[in-house]
Amino acid sequence: MLIDNERVRVTRWQFAPGAATGWHRHEYDYVVVPLVDGVLELVEPDGTRSSELTTGVPYFREAGVEHDVVNANDYAFAFIEVEAKG
């Protein structure tokens, strides 16, 4: 956790090859900014899919997303997650 106040939560996630975040539900809208290029496997209620991410290219998701995120690379993967608490 880098910042956690009444308006935002900023977390730096870094995990080894094959490691996962664990099943979770996002309670806030959020933006992810990848720190390296790579592929994440997203395990979702409807199934599993791959997502290719590019260093510095952010994406936005609304609150309510439920998933487990797995590092599908053969190297450590990292990203910054910014949650908007509203």
N, C-alpha and C. Protein backbone atom coordinates (compact mmCIF):
# COMPACT_ATOMS: atom_id res chain seq x y z
N MET A 1 0.85 -1.17 0.00
CA MET A 1 0.00 0.00 0.00
C MET A 1 0.90 1.24 0.00
N LEU A 2 0.72 2.08 -0.98
CA LEU A 2 1.52 3.30 -1.08
C LEU A 2 0.79 4.50 -0.50
N ILE A 3 -0.51 4.58 -0.76
CA ILE A 3 -1.35 5.67 -0.25
C ILE A 3 -2.71 5.07 0.11
N ASP A 4 -3.24 5.47 1.24
CA ASP A 4 -4.59 5.06 1.62
C ASP A 4 -5.18 6.17 2.47
N ASN A 5 -6.06 6.97 1.84
CA ASN A 5 -6.72 8.04 2.56
C ASN A 5 -8.21 8.03 2.24
N GLU A 6 -8.91 9.08 2.58
CA GLU A 6 -10.36 9.10 2.39
C GLU A 6 -10.79 9.17 0.93
N ARG A 7 -9.86 9.52 0.02
CA ARG A 7 -10.21 9.69 -1.39
C ARG A 7 -9.69 8.60 -2.31
N VAL A 8 -8.48 8.10 -2.05
CA VAL A 8 -7.87 7.09 -2.93
C VAL A 8 -7.09 6.04 -2.14
N ARG A 9 -6.92 4.90 -2.79
CA ARG A 9 -6.00 3.87 -2.29
C ARG A 9 -5.10 3.51 -3.47
N VAL A 10 -3.79 3.60 -3.25
CA VAL A 10 -2.82 3.28 -4.30
C VAL A 10 -1.96 2.11 -3.80
N THR A 11 -1.94 1.04 -4.59
CA THR A 11 -1.22 -0.17 -4.20
C THR A 11 -0.28 -0.58 -5.32
N ARG A 12 0.93 -0.97 -4.95
CA ARG A 12 1.86 -1.54 -5.92
C ARG A 12 1.81 -3.05 -5.74
N TRP A 13 1.42 -3.76 -6.80
CA TRP A 13 1.35 -5.22 -6.78
C TRP A 13 2.54 -5.75 -7.54
N GLN A 14 3.25 -6.71 -6.96
CA GLN A 14 4.32 -7.40 -7.66
C GLN A 14 4.26 -8.86 -7.26
N PHE A 15 4.25 -9.75 -8.24
CA PHE A 15 4.19 -11.16 -7.91
C PHE A 15 4.98 -12.01 -8.89
N ALA A 16 5.46 -13.12 -8.36
CA ALA A 16 6.33 -14.04 -9.09
C ALA A 16 5.55 -14.79 -10.17
N PRO A 17 6.25 -15.42 -11.09
CA PRO A 17 5.58 -16.24 -12.11
C PRO A 17 4.64 -17.26 -11.46
N GLY A 18 3.41 -17.32 -11.97
CA GLY A 18 2.43 -18.27 -11.46
C GLY A 18 1.72 -17.84 -10.19
N ALA A 19 2.19 -16.79 -9.53
CA ALA A 19 1.55 -16.31 -8.30
C ALA A 19 0.25 -15.58 -8.64
N ALA A 20 -0.65 -15.51 -7.66
CA ALA A 20 -1.97 -14.91 -7.89
C ALA A 20 -2.31 -13.92 -6.78
N THR A 21 -3.22 -13.01 -7.10
CA THR A 21 -3.67 -12.04 -6.10
C THR A 21 -4.63 -12.67 -5.11
N GLY A 22 -5.27 -13.77 -5.51
CA GLY A 22 -6.34 -14.36 -4.70
C GLY A 22 -7.68 -13.80 -5.15
N TRP A 23 -8.73 -14.60 -5.00
CA TRP A 23 -10.07 -14.18 -5.43
C TRP A 23 -10.49 -12.95 -4.63
N HIS A 24 -10.99 -11.93 -5.32
CA HIS A 24 -11.41 -10.70 -4.64
C HIS A 24 -12.46 -9.97 -5.46
N ARG A 25 -13.15 -9.05 -4.79
CA ARG A 25 -14.16 -8.19 -5.42
C ARG A 25 -13.74 -6.75 -5.18
N HIS A 26 -13.72 -5.97 -6.26
CA HIS A 26 -13.34 -4.56 -6.15
C HIS A 26 -14.52 -3.73 -5.65
N GLU A 27 -14.34 -3.07 -4.53
CA GLU A 27 -15.42 -2.24 -3.99
C GLU A 27 -15.43 -0.82 -4.53
N TYR A 28 -14.36 -0.43 -5.25
CA TYR A 28 -14.26 0.91 -5.83
C TYR A 28 -13.90 0.82 -7.31
N ASP A 29 -14.24 1.87 -8.07
CA ASP A 29 -13.72 2.02 -9.42
C ASP A 29 -12.19 2.05 -9.31
N TYR A 30 -11.49 1.53 -10.34
CA TYR A 30 -10.04 1.52 -10.25
C TYR A 30 -9.36 1.62 -11.60
N VAL A 31 -8.10 2.03 -11.55
CA VAL A 31 -7.23 2.12 -12.72
C VAL A 31 -5.99 1.30 -12.41
N VAL A 32 -5.55 0.51 -13.40
CA VAL A 32 -4.31 -0.26 -13.28
C VAL A 32 -3.31 0.29 -14.29
N VAL A 33 -2.07 0.51 -13.83
CA VAL A 33 -0.99 0.96 -14.69
C VAL A 33 0.13 -0.09 -14.62
N PRO A 34 0.32 -0.87 -15.69
CA PRO A 34 1.38 -1.88 -15.70
C PRO A 34 2.77 -1.24 -15.63
N LEU A 35 3.66 -1.87 -14.87
CA LEU A 35 5.04 -1.39 -14.77
C LEU A 35 5.98 -2.16 -15.70
N VAL A 36 5.48 -3.26 -16.26
CA VAL A 36 6.22 -4.06 -17.25
C VAL A 36 5.22 -4.59 -18.28
N ASP A 37 5.72 -4.98 -19.44
CA ASP A 37 4.88 -5.66 -20.43
C ASP A 37 4.65 -7.09 -19.95
N GLY A 38 3.47 -7.64 -20.24
CA GLY A 38 3.24 -9.03 -19.89
C GLY A 38 1.80 -9.44 -20.03
N VAL A 39 1.55 -10.70 -19.66
CA VAL A 39 0.22 -11.29 -19.77
C VAL A 39 -0.26 -11.70 -18.38
N LEU A 40 -1.48 -11.31 -18.06
CA LEU A 40 -2.12 -11.76 -16.84
C LEU A 40 -3.27 -12.67 -17.21
N GLU A 41 -3.46 -13.71 -16.44
CA GLU A 41 -4.60 -14.60 -16.60
C GLU A 41 -5.67 -14.16 -15.61
N LEU A 42 -6.86 -13.88 -16.09
CA LEU A 42 -7.96 -13.42 -15.26
C LEU A 42 -8.96 -14.55 -15.07
N VAL A 43 -9.08 -15.02 -13.85
CA VAL A 43 -10.03 -16.07 -13.52
C VAL A 43 -11.29 -15.37 -13.03
N GLU A 44 -12.36 -15.46 -13.81
CA GLU A 44 -13.60 -14.72 -13.54
C GLU A 44 -14.75 -15.70 -13.34
N PRO A 45 -15.88 -15.22 -12.82
CA PRO A 45 -17.02 -16.11 -12.62
C PRO A 45 -17.45 -16.87 -13.88
N ASP A 46 -17.27 -16.25 -15.06
CA ASP A 46 -17.68 -16.87 -16.32
C ASP A 46 -16.60 -17.72 -16.96
N GLY A 47 -15.40 -17.74 -16.40
CA GLY A 47 -14.31 -18.50 -16.99
C GLY A 47 -12.98 -17.77 -16.87
N THR A 48 -12.02 -18.21 -17.66
CA THR A 48 -10.67 -17.64 -17.61
C THR A 48 -10.33 -17.02 -18.94
N ARG A 49 -9.64 -15.88 -18.89
CA ARG A 49 -9.18 -15.23 -20.12
C ARG A 49 -7.83 -14.60 -19.86
N SER A 50 -7.10 -14.33 -20.94
CA SER A 50 -5.80 -13.69 -20.85
C SER A 50 -5.91 -12.23 -21.22
N SER A 51 -5.09 -11.42 -20.57
CA SER A 51 -5.05 -9.99 -20.86
C SER A 51 -3.60 -9.57 -21.05
N GLU A 52 -3.29 -9.04 -22.24
CA GLU A 52 -1.94 -8.59 -22.52
C GLU A 52 -1.81 -7.12 -22.14
N LEU A 53 -0.84 -6.80 -21.30
CA LEU A 53 -0.66 -5.44 -20.79
C LEU A 53 0.65 -4.86 -21.28
N THR A 54 0.65 -3.54 -21.49
CA THR A 54 1.82 -2.82 -21.98
C THR A 54 2.26 -1.80 -20.93
N THR A 55 3.55 -1.74 -20.70
CA THR A 55 4.12 -0.82 -19.72
C THR A 55 3.56 0.59 -19.90
N GLY A 56 3.02 1.15 -18.82
CA GLY A 56 2.56 2.52 -18.82
C GLY A 56 1.20 2.77 -19.44
N VAL A 57 0.57 1.75 -20.02
CA VAL A 57 -0.74 1.93 -20.66
C VAL A 57 -1.82 1.50 -19.66
N PRO A 58 -2.55 2.47 -19.11
CA PRO A 58 -3.53 2.17 -18.06
C PRO A 58 -4.84 1.61 -18.61
N TYR A 59 -5.59 0.96 -17.72
CA TYR A 59 -6.97 0.60 -18.04
C TYR A 59 -7.84 0.85 -16.82
N PHE A 60 -9.13 1.08 -17.07
CA PHE A 60 -10.11 1.43 -16.03
C PHE A 60 -11.16 0.34 -15.93
N ARG A 61 -11.59 0.06 -14.70
CA ARG A 61 -12.70 -0.87 -14.45
C ARG A 61 -13.59 -0.28 -13.38
N GLU A 62 -14.88 -0.55 -13.49
CA GLU A 62 -15.84 -0.09 -12.49
C GLU A 62 -15.87 -1.03 -11.30
N ALA A 63 -16.33 -0.51 -10.18
CA ALA A 63 -16.49 -1.31 -8.97
C ALA A 63 -17.35 -2.53 -9.26
N GLY A 64 -17.11 -3.60 -8.50
CA GLY A 64 -17.91 -4.80 -8.63
C GLY A 64 -17.22 -5.95 -9.34
N VAL A 65 -16.09 -5.68 -9.99
CA VAL A 65 -15.35 -6.74 -10.68
C VAL A 65 -14.92 -7.80 -9.66
N GLU A 66 -15.16 -9.06 -10.00
CA GLU A 66 -14.73 -10.19 -9.16
C GLU A 66 -13.81 -11.07 -9.98
N HIS A 67 -12.63 -11.35 -9.43
CA HIS A 67 -11.68 -12.19 -10.16
C HIS A 67 -10.49 -12.58 -9.30
N ASP A 68 -9.68 -13.48 -9.85
CA ASP A 68 -8.35 -13.78 -9.35
C ASP A 68 -7.43 -13.44 -10.50
N VAL A 69 -6.30 -12.82 -10.22
CA VAL A 69 -5.36 -12.41 -11.25
C VAL A 69 -4.08 -13.22 -11.07
N VAL A 70 -3.67 -13.92 -12.13
CA VAL A 70 -2.50 -14.80 -12.08
C VAL A 70 -1.43 -14.27 -13.03
N ASN A 71 -0.19 -14.23 -12.55
CA ASN A 71 0.93 -13.84 -13.40
C ASN A 71 1.25 -15.00 -14.34
N ALA A 72 0.95 -14.82 -15.63
CA ALA A 72 1.13 -15.88 -16.62
C ALA A 72 2.50 -15.79 -17.31
N ASN A 73 3.38 -14.96 -16.79
CA ASN A 73 4.70 -14.77 -17.38
C ASN A 73 5.74 -15.65 -16.68
N ASP A 74 6.92 -15.77 -17.28
CA ASP A 74 8.00 -16.51 -16.64
C ASP A 74 8.96 -15.57 -15.90
N TYR A 75 8.44 -14.40 -15.54
CA TYR A 75 9.20 -13.39 -14.80
C TYR A 75 8.22 -12.65 -13.87
N ALA A 76 8.78 -11.93 -12.90
CA ALA A 76 7.94 -11.17 -11.97
C ALA A 76 7.17 -10.10 -12.74
N PHE A 77 5.93 -9.89 -12.35
CA PHE A 77 5.07 -8.89 -12.98
C PHE A 77 4.65 -7.88 -11.92
N ALA A 78 4.54 -6.61 -12.32
CA ALA A 78 4.15 -5.57 -11.35
C ALA A 78 3.24 -4.54 -12.00
N PHE A 79 2.33 -4.00 -11.18
CA PHE A 79 1.47 -2.91 -11.64
C PHE A 79 1.08 -2.04 -10.44
N ILE A 80 0.67 -0.84 -10.76
CA ILE A 80 0.13 0.09 -9.76
C ILE A 80 -1.38 0.09 -9.94
N GLU A 81 -2.11 -0.04 -8.82
CA GLU A 81 -3.57 0.02 -8.84
C GLU A 81 -4.00 1.25 -8.05
N VAL A 82 -4.84 2.08 -8.69
CA VAL A 82 -5.36 3.28 -8.05
C VAL A 82 -6.87 3.12 -7.92
N GLU A 83 -7.36 3.06 -6.68
CA GLU A 83 -8.79 2.92 -6.42
C GLU A 83 -9.36 4.26 -6.01
N ALA A 84 -10.47 4.66 -6.66
CA ALA A 84 -11.14 5.92 -6.35
C ALA A 84 -12.25 5.66 -5.35
N LYS A 85 -12.06 6.16 -4.14
CA LYS A 85 -13.04 5.90 -3.08
C LYS A 85 -14.27 6.79 -3.19
N GLY A 86 -14.25 7.74 -4.10
CA GLY A 86 -15.42 8.58 -4.31
C GLY A 86 -15.45 9.70 -3.36
